[in-house]
Amino acid sequence: MILGVSIYEILTLTSILFFIGVYGFITRTNLISMLISVELILNSSVVNFVVINKYLFPEVLQGVFFSVFIIAVAAAETALAIAIIINLYRLISSVEVKDTEVMKY
């Protein structure tokens, strides 16, 4: 138990967050909200790494190092995605997914 909360409660919460992110990614049509959904998925996996590492190997920090790596990759991915979205908005004046199909031709 971490701070009086069992591992089952934390894993249930992160599973709910993960599936909210998946649902948001599938159902949203706005590029920004899809990016937020991807970040929600990545953050739930980060919490899972830390909790499972703390539960299985409390003296080793491998889960924390993986989490820091995932956070760094997520930050780089977000910066790149925001730059692409800003350029798309300048080109077609919209951030909707259906409007980006114009870029094909």
N, C-alpha and C. Protein backbone atom coordinates (compact mmCIF):
# COMPACT_ATOMS: atom_id res chain seq x y z
N MET A 1 0.84 -1.18 0.00
CA MET A 1 0.00 0.00 0.00
C MET A 1 0.88 1.24 0.00
N ILE A 2 0.53 2.15 -0.88
CA ILE A 2 1.23 3.42 -0.97
C ILE A 2 0.32 4.50 -0.42
N LEU A 3 0.71 5.09 0.70
CA LEU A 3 -0.07 6.15 1.34
C LEU A 3 -1.51 5.73 1.63
N GLY A 4 -1.71 4.47 2.02
CA GLY A 4 -3.04 4.00 2.40
C GLY A 4 -3.94 3.63 1.24
N VAL A 5 -3.42 3.65 0.02
CA VAL A 5 -4.21 3.29 -1.15
C VAL A 5 -3.65 1.98 -1.70
N SER A 6 -4.52 1.01 -1.94
CA SER A 6 -4.03 -0.28 -2.43
C SER A 6 -3.68 -0.20 -3.91
N ILE A 7 -2.91 -1.18 -4.35
CA ILE A 7 -2.47 -1.22 -5.74
C ILE A 7 -3.66 -1.44 -6.67
N TYR A 8 -4.67 -2.15 -6.20
CA TYR A 8 -5.85 -2.41 -7.03
C TYR A 8 -6.62 -1.13 -7.34
N GLU A 9 -6.70 -0.26 -6.36
CA GLU A 9 -7.39 1.02 -6.58
C GLU A 9 -6.63 1.89 -7.57
N ILE A 10 -5.31 1.91 -7.45
CA ILE A 10 -4.50 2.73 -8.36
C ILE A 10 -4.56 2.16 -9.78
N LEU A 11 -4.45 0.83 -9.91
CA LEU A 11 -4.52 0.23 -11.24
C LEU A 11 -5.90 0.38 -11.86
N THR A 12 -6.94 0.37 -11.04
CA THR A 12 -8.29 0.62 -11.55
C THR A 12 -8.40 2.05 -12.07
N LEU A 13 -7.88 2.99 -11.32
CA LEU A 13 -7.91 4.39 -11.74
C LEU A 13 -7.13 4.60 -13.03
N THR A 14 -5.94 4.02 -13.13
CA THR A 14 -5.14 4.21 -14.34
C THR A 14 -5.76 3.49 -15.53
N SER A 15 -6.44 2.36 -15.30
CA SER A 15 -7.15 1.70 -16.40
C SER A 15 -8.30 2.55 -16.90
N ILE A 16 -9.01 3.18 -15.99
CA ILE A 16 -10.10 4.08 -16.38
C ILE A 16 -9.55 5.26 -17.17
N LEU A 17 -8.45 5.84 -16.70
CA LEU A 17 -7.82 6.95 -17.42
C LEU A 17 -7.35 6.53 -18.81
N PHE A 18 -6.79 5.32 -18.91
CA PHE A 18 -6.33 4.83 -20.20
C PHE A 18 -7.49 4.70 -21.18
N PHE A 19 -8.58 4.11 -20.73
CA PHE A 19 -9.71 3.90 -21.64
C PHE A 19 -10.46 5.19 -21.95
N ILE A 20 -10.43 6.15 -21.04
CA ILE A 20 -10.98 7.48 -21.36
C ILE A 20 -10.13 8.11 -22.47
N GLY A 21 -8.80 7.94 -22.40
CA GLY A 21 -7.92 8.46 -23.44
C GLY A 21 -8.16 7.78 -24.78
N VAL A 22 -8.34 6.46 -24.77
CA VAL A 22 -8.61 5.73 -26.00
C VAL A 22 -9.94 6.16 -26.60
N TYR A 23 -10.96 6.28 -25.75
CA TYR A 23 -12.28 6.73 -26.23
C TYR A 23 -12.19 8.14 -26.80
N GLY A 24 -11.47 9.02 -26.13
CA GLY A 24 -11.31 10.39 -26.61
C GLY A 24 -10.57 10.45 -27.93
N PHE A 25 -9.57 9.60 -28.09
CA PHE A 25 -8.82 9.59 -29.35
C PHE A 25 -9.67 9.09 -30.51
N ILE A 26 -10.50 8.09 -30.25
CA ILE A 26 -11.32 7.52 -31.31
C ILE A 26 -12.48 8.43 -31.69
N THR A 27 -13.08 9.10 -30.73
CA THR A 27 -14.31 9.83 -31.00
C THR A 27 -14.12 11.31 -31.34
N ARG A 28 -13.00 11.90 -31.00
CA ARG A 28 -12.82 13.33 -31.23
C ARG A 28 -12.44 13.62 -32.67
N THR A 29 -12.83 14.80 -33.14
CA THR A 29 -12.48 15.22 -34.49
C THR A 29 -11.53 16.41 -34.49
N ASN A 30 -11.25 16.95 -33.33
CA ASN A 30 -10.34 18.08 -33.19
C ASN A 30 -8.94 17.55 -32.90
N LEU A 31 -7.93 18.06 -33.60
CA LEU A 31 -6.57 17.57 -33.42
C LEU A 31 -6.03 17.84 -32.02
N ILE A 32 -6.40 18.96 -31.44
CA ILE A 32 -5.92 19.30 -30.09
C ILE A 32 -6.49 18.32 -29.06
N SER A 33 -7.77 18.02 -29.15
CA SER A 33 -8.36 17.09 -28.20
C SER A 33 -7.84 15.67 -28.40
N MET A 34 -7.48 15.31 -29.63
CA MET A 34 -6.85 14.02 -29.86
C MET A 34 -5.47 13.97 -29.22
N LEU A 35 -4.74 15.07 -29.29
CA LEU A 35 -3.43 15.15 -28.65
C LEU A 35 -3.55 15.03 -27.13
N ILE A 36 -4.55 15.67 -26.56
CA ILE A 36 -4.79 15.56 -25.12
C ILE A 36 -5.12 14.12 -24.74
N SER A 37 -5.86 13.42 -25.58
CA SER A 37 -6.19 12.02 -25.32
C SER A 37 -4.94 11.14 -25.34
N VAL A 38 -4.04 11.40 -26.27
CA VAL A 38 -2.78 10.64 -26.32
C VAL A 38 -1.96 10.91 -25.06
N GLU A 39 -1.94 12.14 -24.61
CA GLU A 39 -1.21 12.47 -23.38
C GLU A 39 -1.83 11.77 -22.17
N LEU A 40 -3.14 11.64 -22.15
CA LEU A 40 -3.80 10.94 -21.06
C LEU A 40 -3.41 9.46 -21.05
N ILE A 41 -3.31 8.87 -22.23
CA ILE A 41 -2.89 7.47 -22.34
C ILE A 41 -1.45 7.31 -21.84
N LEU A 42 -0.57 8.20 -22.25
CA LEU A 42 0.83 8.11 -21.82
C LEU A 42 0.97 8.33 -20.31
N ASN A 43 0.21 9.26 -19.76
CA ASN A 43 0.31 9.52 -18.33
C ASN A 43 -0.22 8.36 -17.50
N SER A 44 -1.24 7.68 -17.98
CA SER A 44 -1.73 6.51 -17.23
C SER A 44 -0.69 5.39 -17.26
N SER A 45 0.03 5.25 -18.36
CA SER A 45 1.08 4.23 -18.39
C SER A 45 2.25 4.60 -17.47
N VAL A 46 2.54 5.88 -17.35
CA VAL A 46 3.60 6.33 -16.44
C VAL A 46 3.25 5.98 -15.00
N VAL A 47 2.03 6.23 -14.61
CA VAL A 47 1.61 5.90 -13.24
C VAL A 47 1.66 4.39 -13.03
N ASN A 48 1.28 3.61 -14.04
CA ASN A 48 1.37 2.15 -13.93
C ASN A 48 2.80 1.70 -13.73
N PHE A 49 3.75 2.26 -14.47
CA PHE A 49 5.15 1.89 -14.30
C PHE A 49 5.62 2.15 -12.87
N VAL A 50 5.29 3.29 -12.33
CA VAL A 50 5.76 3.64 -10.99
C VAL A 50 5.11 2.76 -9.94
N VAL A 51 3.82 2.53 -10.04
CA VAL A 51 3.11 1.75 -9.02
C VAL A 51 3.54 0.29 -9.06
N ILE A 52 3.63 -0.29 -10.24
CA ILE A 52 4.02 -1.70 -10.32
C ILE A 52 5.47 -1.88 -9.87
N ASN A 53 6.35 -0.93 -10.21
CA ASN A 53 7.73 -1.01 -9.74
C ASN A 53 7.79 -0.90 -8.22
N LYS A 54 7.02 0.00 -7.65
CA LYS A 54 7.02 0.18 -6.20
C LYS A 54 6.46 -1.05 -5.49
N TYR A 55 5.50 -1.70 -6.14
CA TYR A 55 4.89 -2.88 -5.53
C TYR A 55 5.81 -4.10 -5.63
N LEU A 56 6.42 -4.34 -6.80
CA LEU A 56 7.23 -5.53 -7.00
C LEU A 56 8.65 -5.38 -6.45
N PHE A 57 9.29 -4.26 -6.75
CA PHE A 57 10.68 -4.04 -6.34
C PHE A 57 10.80 -2.67 -5.68
N PRO A 58 10.48 -2.55 -4.41
CA PRO A 58 10.47 -1.23 -3.77
C PRO A 58 11.85 -0.57 -3.67
N GLU A 59 12.92 -1.35 -3.73
CA GLU A 59 14.25 -0.76 -3.57
C GLU A 59 14.89 -0.36 -4.90
N VAL A 60 14.31 -0.75 -6.02
CA VAL A 60 14.87 -0.46 -7.34
C VAL A 60 14.05 0.65 -7.99
N LEU A 61 14.72 1.52 -8.75
CA LEU A 61 14.05 2.67 -9.36
C LEU A 61 13.87 2.54 -10.87
N GLN A 62 13.81 1.33 -11.40
CA GLN A 62 13.68 1.16 -12.84
C GLN A 62 12.37 1.75 -13.38
N GLY A 63 11.28 1.56 -12.67
CA GLY A 63 10.00 2.12 -13.11
C GLY A 63 10.02 3.64 -13.15
N VAL A 64 10.72 4.25 -12.23
CA VAL A 64 10.83 5.71 -12.21
C VAL A 64 11.65 6.18 -13.41
N PHE A 65 12.73 5.46 -13.74
CA PHE A 65 13.55 5.86 -14.89
C PHE A 65 12.78 5.71 -16.19
N PHE A 66 12.00 4.61 -16.32
CA PHE A 66 11.16 4.45 -17.50
C PHE A 66 10.13 5.57 -17.58
N SER A 67 9.60 5.95 -16.43
CA SER A 67 8.60 7.02 -16.39
C SER A 67 9.18 8.35 -16.82
N VAL A 68 10.38 8.65 -16.37
CA VAL A 68 11.03 9.90 -16.78
C VAL A 68 11.30 9.89 -18.28
N PHE A 69 11.69 8.73 -18.81
CA PHE A 69 11.91 8.62 -20.25
C PHE A 69 10.61 8.82 -21.02
N ILE A 70 9.52 8.23 -20.55
CA ILE A 70 8.22 8.39 -21.21
C ILE A 70 7.77 9.84 -21.15
N ILE A 71 7.98 10.50 -20.04
CA ILE A 71 7.59 11.91 -19.91
C ILE A 71 8.40 12.77 -20.88
N ALA A 72 9.70 12.48 -21.03
CA ALA A 72 10.52 13.24 -21.97
C ALA A 72 10.06 13.01 -23.41
N VAL A 73 9.75 11.78 -23.76
CA VAL A 73 9.25 11.49 -25.11
C VAL A 73 7.91 12.15 -25.34
N ALA A 74 7.05 12.14 -24.33
CA ALA A 74 5.73 12.77 -24.45
C ALA A 74 5.86 14.29 -24.62
N ALA A 75 6.82 14.89 -23.94
CA ALA A 75 7.02 16.34 -24.09
C ALA A 75 7.51 16.67 -25.50
N ALA A 76 8.43 15.88 -26.01
CA ALA A 76 8.91 16.10 -27.37
C ALA A 76 7.81 15.86 -28.40
N GLU A 77 7.02 14.84 -28.18
CA GLU A 77 5.91 14.54 -29.08
C GLU A 77 4.87 15.66 -29.07
N THR A 78 4.60 16.20 -27.90
CA THR A 78 3.63 17.29 -27.80
C THR A 78 4.14 18.54 -28.51
N ALA A 79 5.41 18.86 -28.33
CA ALA A 79 5.96 20.05 -28.99
C ALA A 79 5.92 19.90 -30.51
N LEU A 80 6.26 18.72 -31.00
CA LEU A 80 6.22 18.48 -32.44
C LEU A 80 4.78 18.51 -32.97
N ALA A 81 3.87 17.90 -32.24
CA ALA A 81 2.47 17.88 -32.68
C ALA A 81 1.86 19.27 -32.68
N ILE A 82 2.17 20.07 -31.68
CA ILE A 82 1.64 21.44 -31.64
C ILE A 82 2.20 22.26 -32.81
N ALA A 83 3.48 22.06 -33.13
CA ALA A 83 4.07 22.77 -34.28
C ALA A 83 3.37 22.37 -35.59
N ILE A 84 3.09 21.08 -35.75
CA ILE A 84 2.39 20.61 -36.95
C ILE A 84 0.97 21.16 -37.00
N ILE A 85 0.30 21.17 -35.86
CA ILE A 85 -1.08 21.68 -35.81
C ILE A 85 -1.12 23.17 -36.12
N ILE A 86 -0.16 23.93 -35.62
CA ILE A 86 -0.11 25.37 -35.92
C ILE A 86 0.12 25.60 -37.41
N ASN A 87 1.01 24.83 -38.01
CA ASN A 87 1.23 24.97 -39.46
C ASN A 87 0.00 24.57 -40.27
N LEU A 88 -0.70 23.53 -39.83
CA LEU A 88 -1.94 23.14 -40.51
C LEU A 88 -2.99 24.24 -40.39
N TYR A 89 -3.06 24.85 -39.22
CA TYR A 89 -4.04 25.92 -39.02
C TYR A 89 -3.71 27.12 -39.93
N ARG A 90 -2.43 27.42 -40.10
CA ARG A 90 -2.05 28.50 -41.00
C ARG A 90 -2.39 28.19 -42.45
N LEU A 91 -2.27 26.93 -42.84
CA LEU A 91 -2.56 26.53 -44.21
C LEU A 91 -4.05 26.47 -44.52
N ILE A 92 -4.81 25.80 -43.65
CA ILE A 92 -6.23 25.55 -43.98
C ILE A 92 -7.20 26.19 -43.01
N SER A 93 -6.73 26.94 -42.03
CA SER A 93 -7.54 27.67 -41.05
C SER A 93 -8.53 26.78 -40.30
N SER A 94 -8.10 25.57 -39.98
CA SER A 94 -8.94 24.65 -39.21
C SER A 94 -8.05 23.62 -38.54
N VAL A 95 -8.52 23.10 -37.42
CA VAL A 95 -7.80 22.02 -36.74
C VAL A 95 -8.66 20.76 -36.66
N GLU A 96 -9.65 20.66 -37.52
CA GLU A 96 -10.49 19.48 -37.59
C GLU A 96 -9.82 18.42 -38.44
N VAL A 97 -10.01 17.16 -38.08
CA VAL A 97 -9.38 16.07 -38.80
C VAL A 97 -9.90 15.96 -40.22
N LYS A 98 -11.19 16.16 -40.42
CA LYS A 98 -11.78 16.03 -41.76
C LYS A 98 -11.24 17.09 -42.72
N ASP A 99 -10.82 18.21 -42.20
CA ASP A 99 -10.27 19.27 -43.06
C ASP A 99 -8.83 18.99 -43.48
N THR A 100 -8.16 18.10 -42.80
CA THR A 100 -6.78 17.79 -43.17
C THR A 100 -6.72 16.85 -44.36
N GLU A 101 -7.84 16.28 -44.77
CA GLU A 101 -7.86 15.42 -45.95
C GLU A 101 -7.57 16.19 -47.22
N VAL A 102 -7.72 17.51 -47.18
CA VAL A 102 -7.39 18.35 -48.33
C VAL A 102 -5.90 18.25 -48.62
N MET A 103 -5.10 17.97 -47.61
CA MET A 103 -3.64 17.91 -47.77
C MET A 103 -3.21 16.74 -48.64
N LYS A 104 -4.09 15.75 -48.88
CA LYS A 104 -3.73 14.58 -49.67
C LYS A 104 -3.45 14.94 -51.11
N TYR A 105 -4.17 15.89 -51.65
CA TYR A 105 -4.14 16.14 -53.11
C TYR A 105 -3.30 17.34 -53.47
